[in-house]
């Protein structure tokens, strides 16, 4: 009986000890958790403060760098001011130069030496590209507008097919300067050769002289007169628009007279216009002059006034 009492007391003491130990353990756990939370919060706050400080320092440094760079750029701009390069423009009173293939250059519709120089830079060497030869070395390299050159090459090749063994060569295409040889030659600024669309053409088999009386019955002139419009070229100075014999005074009038008769002078105007001129759309079915065509088609109002384009 006595042993049972002792055992009971021991059990109670053990339970009491376990309860006290459990209480102490729980208290320590709560305390540690609280300290950990407080430490974490403090560390987080410190990290946030450090991040804000670092971000602030980065922003300040970036602003400083940008300011310094802008200051450097400003200094460079002050030291090296921007210069505007103007594209040179050529002042020219001849309103037809804007017509391109249909530009009119004659004693009434003149162009400046600046225009002539610029036009030269837009042309191609037809000997180099197509093997079309210049028959007079004095005239230099034959230059022509690229579009005109393609069609000239086709035209001269077809001529050779119709006349085997024959070959047409040029006697001057583009000219930078005028010439002085009477009525058949015009001064600088007044020649159709300044257009870059013109070549004098001769078949060497019939001689190289530029003589209308001698050449007008020759096959090359007859063929070119009848067929050149199919390739965009016109017989530029036909006898019907010459305004008299070549011994008479030059008569370039308001009706469309050219003042010239040349069997060798061919001018590119494009296939559509060439056909209308050759078949006389505005000239009762007869071969027209470029001057008369431009007036009759409403492009030029007064053939004596180079500012009268519509």
Protein backbone atom coordinates (compact mmCIF):
# COMPACT_ATOMS: atom_id res chain seq x y z
CA UNK A 1 0.00 0.00 0.00
CA UNK A 2 2.82 2.23 0.91
CA UNK A 3 4.56 1.45 -2.39
CA UNK A 4 1.46 2.43 -4.34
CA UNK A 5 1.39 5.84 -2.68
CA UNK A 6 5.02 6.42 -3.44
CA UNK A 7 4.50 5.41 -7.09
CA UNK A 8 1.54 7.77 -7.40
CA UNK A 9 3.53 10.67 -6.02
CA UNK A 10 6.37 9.97 -8.42
CA UNK A 11 3.96 9.97 -11.35
CA UNK A 12 2.53 13.32 -10.25
CA UNK A 13 6.01 14.76 -9.85
CA UNK A 14 6.96 13.47 -13.32
CA UNK A 15 3.82 14.96 -14.88
CA UNK A 16 4.51 18.26 -13.13
CA UNK A 17 8.13 18.27 -14.36
CA UNK A 18 6.98 17.53 -17.93
CA UNK A 19 4.45 20.37 -17.75
CA UNK A 20 7.07 22.80 -16.48
CA UNK A 21 9.54 21.69 -19.20
CA UNK A 22 6.91 22.03 -21.87
CA UNK A 23 6.02 25.52 -20.67
CA UNK A 24 9.68 26.58 -20.70
CA UNK A 25 10.17 25.08 -24.22
CA UNK A 26 7.10 26.84 -25.59
CA UNK A 27 8.20 30.14 -24.06
CA UNK A 28 11.64 29.82 -25.64
CA UNK A 29 10.14 29.02 -29.00
CA UNK A 30 7.88 32.09 -28.88
CA UNK A 31 10.80 34.24 -27.79
CA UNK A 32 13.05 32.97 -30.59
CA UNK A 33 10.30 33.49 -33.17
CA UNK A 34 9.75 37.03 -31.96
CA UNK A 35 13.48 37.80 -32.07
CA UNK A 36 13.74 36.26 -35.55
CA UNK A 37 10.82 38.36 -36.82
CA UNK A 38 12.27 41.49 -35.30
CA UNK A 39 15.68 40.74 -36.78
CA UNK A 40 14.16 39.96 -40.18
CA UNK A 41 12.16 43.16 -40.13
CA UNK A 42 15.26 45.10 -39.16
CA UNK A 43 17.34 43.45 -41.85
CA UNK A 44 14.61 44.07 -44.42
CA UNK A 45 14.42 47.71 -43.36
CA UNK A 46 18.18 48.02 -43.59
CA UNK A 47 18.20 46.38 -47.01
CA UNK A 48 15.44 48.73 -48.19
CA UNK A 49 17.31 51.71 -46.84
CA UNK A 50 20.50 50.52 -48.54
CA UNK A 51 18.65 49.93 -51.83
CA UNK A 52 17.08 53.38 -51.72
CA UNK A 53 20.45 54.90 -51.00
CA UNK A 54 22.09 52.95 -53.84
CA UNK A 55 19.26 53.87 -56.24
CA UNK A 56 19.53 57.49 -55.23
CA UNK A 57 23.29 57.42 -55.73
CA UNK A 58 22.85 55.74 -59.17
CA UNK A 59 20.29 58.36 -60.26
CA UNK A 60 22.51 61.18 -59.13
CA UNK A 61 25.50 59.68 -60.96
CA UNK A 62 23.42 59.14 -64.13
CA UNK A 63 22.14 62.72 -64.07
CA UNK A 64 25.69 63.93 -63.62
CA UNK A 65 26.92 61.84 -66.58
CA UNK A 66 24.05 63.05 -68.81
CA UNK A 67 24.68 66.65 -67.79
CA UNK A 68 28.39 66.26 -68.51
CA UNK A 69 27.69 64.62 -71.87
CA UNK A 70 25.21 67.32 -72.89
CA UNK A 71 27.70 69.96 -71.85
CA UNK A 72 30.31 68.23 -74.00
CA UNK A 73 27.92 68.10 -76.97
CA UNK A 74 27.03 71.73 -76.53
CA UNK A 75 30.71 72.60 -76.52
CA UNK A 76 31.29 70.55 -79.68
CA UNK A 77 28.33 72.22 -81.40
CA UNK A 78 29.66 75.60 -80.44
CA UNK A 79 33.09 74.72 -81.73
CA UNK A 80 31.80 72.98 -84.93
CA UNK A 81 28.57 74.65 -86.05
CA UNK A 82 26.43 72.66 -88.51
CA UNK A 83 26.84 73.78 -92.11
CA UNK A 84 24.00 73.40 -94.61
CA UNK A 85 25.13 72.30 -98.07
CA UNK A 86 22.84 73.73 -100.70
CA UNK A 87 22.29 71.79 -103.91
CA UNK A 88 23.29 74.12 -106.72
CA UNK A 89 20.45 75.10 -108.99
CA UNK A 90 20.79 76.38 -112.50
CA UNK A 91 18.77 79.45 -113.27
CA UNK A 92 17.63 79.27 -116.86
CA UNK A 93 14.94 81.31 -118.54
CA UNK A 94 14.24 78.69 -121.21
CA UNK A 95 11.00 77.18 -119.95
CA UNK A 96 11.14 74.20 -122.33
CA UNK A 97 14.09 72.57 -120.58
CA UNK A 98 11.56 71.11 -118.15
CA UNK A 99 10.03 69.23 -121.13
CA UNK A 100 12.86 66.67 -121.13
CA UNK A 101 12.89 64.93 -124.50
CA UNK A 102 10.86 67.78 -125.97
CA UNK A 103 13.11 70.63 -124.84
CA UNK A 104 13.55 73.29 -127.48
CA UNK A 105 16.92 74.97 -127.95
CA UNK A 106 17.31 77.36 -130.87
CA UNK A 107 18.19 81.06 -131.43
CA UNK A 108 14.97 82.05 -129.61
CA UNK A 109 14.96 79.44 -126.83
CA UNK A 110 18.50 79.69 -125.51
CA UNK A 111 20.25 78.05 -122.55
CA UNK A 112 23.13 79.05 -120.28
CA UNK A 113 26.62 77.57 -120.23
CA UNK A 114 25.82 76.25 -116.73
CA UNK A 115 22.89 74.29 -118.15
CA UNK A 116 25.10 72.89 -120.91
CA UNK A 117 27.77 71.81 -118.43
CA UNK A 118 25.22 70.06 -116.19
CA UNK A 119 23.55 68.37 -119.15
CA UNK A 120 26.88 66.87 -120.21
CA UNK A 121 27.14 65.00 -116.90
CA UNK A 122 23.85 63.18 -117.64
CA UNK A 123 25.00 61.62 -120.94
CA UNK A 124 26.67 58.35 -121.93
CA UNK A 125 29.49 57.44 -124.31
CA UNK A 126 27.80 55.61 -127.21
CA UNK A 127 31.10 54.38 -128.63
CA UNK A 128 32.01 52.71 -125.35
CA UNK A 129 28.53 51.27 -124.77
CA UNK A 130 27.43 50.31 -128.30
CA UNK A 131 30.43 50.66 -130.59
CA UNK A 132 28.85 53.56 -132.50
CA UNK A 133 31.79 55.41 -133.99
CA UNK A 134 32.41 59.12 -134.36
CA UNK A 135 33.58 59.80 -137.91
CA UNK A 136 35.41 63.01 -137.09
CA UNK A 137 37.96 62.84 -134.28
CA UNK A 138 37.81 66.60 -133.94
CA UNK A 139 34.32 66.25 -132.46
CA UNK A 140 35.58 64.11 -129.57
CA UNK A 141 33.58 61.38 -127.81
CA UNK A 142 29.95 61.03 -128.99
CA UNK A 143 27.71 61.61 -125.98
CA UNK A 144 23.97 61.02 -125.85
CA UNK A 145 21.11 60.71 -123.38
CA UNK A 146 20.91 57.08 -122.09
CA UNK A 147 17.36 56.49 -123.38
CA UNK A 148 18.17 57.99 -126.76
CA UNK A 149 21.37 55.94 -126.98
CA UNK A 150 19.50 52.62 -126.60
CA UNK A 151 17.12 53.52 -129.41
CA UNK A 152 19.85 54.93 -131.65
CA UNK A 153 21.77 51.67 -131.38
CA UNK A 154 18.68 49.69 -132.37
CA UNK A 155 18.02 52.00 -135.30
CA UNK A 156 21.55 51.83 -136.70
CA UNK A 157 21.66 48.03 -136.32
CA UNK A 158 18.43 47.72 -138.33
CA UNK A 159 19.89 50.04 -140.97
CA UNK A 160 22.88 47.70 -141.34
CA UNK A 161 20.51 44.77 -141.79
CA UNK A 162 18.78 46.58 -144.66
CA UNK A 163 22.11 47.70 -146.16
CA UNK A 164 24.66 44.91 -145.56
CA UNK A 165 28.22 46.15 -145.47
CA UNK A 166 27.14 49.69 -144.63
CA UNK A 167 27.50 51.44 -141.29
CA UNK A 168 26.29 54.81 -140.11
CA UNK A 169 28.68 56.83 -137.96
CA UNK A 170 28.13 60.08 -136.10
CA UNK A 171 29.40 63.52 -137.01
CA UNK A 172 29.02 65.10 -133.57
CA UNK A 173 26.34 64.43 -130.98
CA UNK A 174 26.35 66.56 -127.82
CA UNK A 175 28.25 69.83 -128.08
CA UNK A 176 29.44 71.95 -125.17
CA UNK A 177 30.07 74.91 -127.46
CA UNK A 178 28.45 76.35 -130.54
CA UNK A 179 30.09 76.70 -133.90
CA UNK A 180 30.59 79.52 -136.36
CA UNK A 181 30.09 78.39 -139.93
CA UNK A 182 27.22 80.45 -141.28
CA UNK A 183 23.57 79.54 -141.36
CA UNK A 184 24.11 75.83 -140.62
CA UNK A 185 25.84 76.55 -137.33
CA UNK A 186 24.50 78.15 -134.17
CA UNK A 187 26.38 79.86 -131.35
CA UNK A 188 26.81 78.46 -127.83
CA UNK A 189 23.48 78.34 -126.04
CA UNK A 190 21.39 78.21 -129.22
CA UNK A 191 22.15 74.77 -130.70
CA UNK A 192 19.95 71.68 -130.71
CA UNK A 193 23.15 69.72 -130.02
CA UNK A 194 23.06 71.04 -126.43
CA UNK A 195 19.97 68.93 -125.70
CA UNK A 196 21.88 65.65 -125.43
CA UNK A 197 19.26 64.05 -127.70
CA UNK A 198 20.87 64.87 -131.05
CA UNK A 199 23.39 63.27 -133.42
CA UNK A 200 24.44 64.04 -136.98
CA UNK A 201 24.41 60.72 -138.88
CA UNK A 202 26.25 59.77 -142.07
CA UNK A 203 26.96 56.51 -143.92
CA UNK A 204 30.68 56.64 -144.66
CA UNK A 205 30.17 54.58 -147.80
CA UNK A 206 28.70 57.68 -149.41
CA UNK A 207 31.31 60.07 -148.11
CA UNK A 208 31.51 62.09 -144.93
CA UNK A 209 30.68 65.55 -146.24
CA UNK A 210 27.71 67.28 -144.64
CA UNK A 211 26.18 68.57 -147.84
CA UNK A 212 22.40 68.60 -148.21
CA UNK A 213 22.43 68.71 -152.02
CA UNK A 214 24.77 65.74 -152.10
CA UNK A 215 23.19 63.65 -149.37
CA UNK A 216 19.45 64.14 -149.82
CA UNK A 217 19.19 61.47 -152.50
CA UNK A 218 21.39 58.94 -150.71
CA UNK A 219 19.91 55.76 -149.23
CA UNK A 220 20.87 56.47 -145.61
CA UNK A 221 19.02 59.76 -145.50
CA UNK A 222 15.97 58.35 -147.26
CA UNK A 223 15.90 55.35 -144.89
CA UNK A 224 16.37 57.48 -141.78
CA UNK A 225 13.81 60.07 -142.90
CA UNK A 226 11.22 57.34 -143.45
CA UNK A 227 11.98 55.06 -140.50
CA UNK A 228 13.62 57.05 -137.68
CA UNK A 229 10.30 57.89 -135.99
CA UNK A 230 9.83 54.15 -135.25
CA UNK A 231 12.82 54.46 -132.91
CA UNK A 232 11.79 57.80 -131.39
CA UNK A 233 13.93 60.03 -133.66
CA UNK A 234 12.82 62.77 -136.04
CA UNK A 235 14.42 64.37 -139.05
CA UNK A 236 14.95 67.60 -137.14
CA UNK A 237 15.44 70.08 -139.99
CA UNK A 238 13.40 69.15 -143.07
CA UNK A 239 13.45 71.40 -146.14
CA UNK A 240 9.76 72.34 -145.88
CA UNK A 241 10.44 74.20 -142.61
CA UNK A 242 13.79 75.77 -143.55
CA UNK A 243 12.30 79.18 -144.36
CA UNK A 244 14.19 79.64 -147.60
CA UNK A 245 17.47 78.62 -149.15
CA UNK A 246 20.58 78.23 -147.03
CA UNK A 247 21.98 81.38 -148.62
CA UNK A 248 19.04 83.44 -147.36
CA UNK A 249 18.99 85.13 -143.92
CA UNK A 250 18.02 82.90 -140.99
CA UNK A 251 14.28 83.00 -140.48
CA UNK A 252 13.23 81.40 -137.18
CA UNK A 253 9.70 82.70 -136.90
CA UNK A 254 6.63 82.44 -134.72
CA UNK A 255 4.99 79.87 -137.01
CA UNK A 256 7.59 77.15 -136.48
CA UNK A 257 10.18 77.78 -139.19
CA UNK A 258 13.53 76.36 -138.12
CA UNK A 259 15.88 78.29 -140.43
CA UNK A 260 17.77 75.07 -141.27
CA UNK A 261 17.76 72.21 -143.76
CA UNK A 262 20.02 69.31 -142.77
CA UNK A 263 19.66 65.76 -144.07
CA UNK A 264 21.97 64.36 -141.38
CA UNK A 265 20.57 65.90 -138.17
CA UNK A 266 18.36 63.54 -136.13
CA UNK A 267 16.80 64.30 -132.78
CA UNK A 268 15.30 61.94 -130.18
CA UNK A 269 11.84 62.93 -128.88
CA UNK A 270 10.38 59.55 -127.95
CA UNK A 271 8.36 57.19 -130.14
CA UNK A 272 4.89 58.66 -129.58
CA UNK A 273 5.84 62.26 -130.39
CA UNK A 274 8.18 61.19 -133.21
CA UNK A 275 5.29 59.41 -134.91
CA UNK A 276 3.01 62.45 -134.54
CA UNK A 277 5.68 64.73 -136.04
CA UNK A 278 6.65 62.40 -138.89
CA UNK A 279 3.02 61.71 -139.85
CA UNK A 280 2.05 65.38 -139.41
CA UNK A 281 -0.63 65.16 -136.74
CA UNK A 282 -0.72 68.98 -136.53
CA UNK A 283 0.54 69.67 -140.07
CA UNK A 284 -2.05 68.17 -142.42
CA UNK A 285 -0.23 64.87 -142.67
CA UNK A 286 3.08 66.45 -143.67
CA UNK A 287 6.38 66.20 -141.82
CA UNK A 288 6.30 68.74 -138.99
CA UNK A 289 8.98 70.83 -137.29
CA UNK A 290 9.54 70.45 -133.56
CA UNK A 291 8.85 74.17 -133.12
CA UNK A 292 5.50 74.03 -134.88
CA UNK A 293 4.56 70.82 -133.09
CA UNK A 294 5.21 72.35 -129.65
CA UNK A 295 3.05 75.36 -130.49
CA UNK A 296 0.26 73.41 -132.19
CA UNK A 297 0.06 70.91 -129.34
CA UNK A 298 -0.31 73.77 -126.84
CA UNK A 299 3.00 73.37 -125.04
CA UNK A 300 4.47 76.72 -126.14
CA UNK A 301 2.38 79.83 -126.71
CA UNK A 302 4.89 82.07 -128.47
CA UNK A 303 7.84 80.67 -130.43
CA UNK A 304 9.66 83.99 -130.09
CA UNK A 305 9.42 84.05 -126.29
CA UNK A 306 11.42 81.43 -124.33
CA UNK A 307 9.29 82.01 -121.22
CA UNK A 308 5.96 81.24 -122.88
CA UNK A 309 5.46 77.57 -121.94
CA UNK A 310 1.97 76.46 -120.92
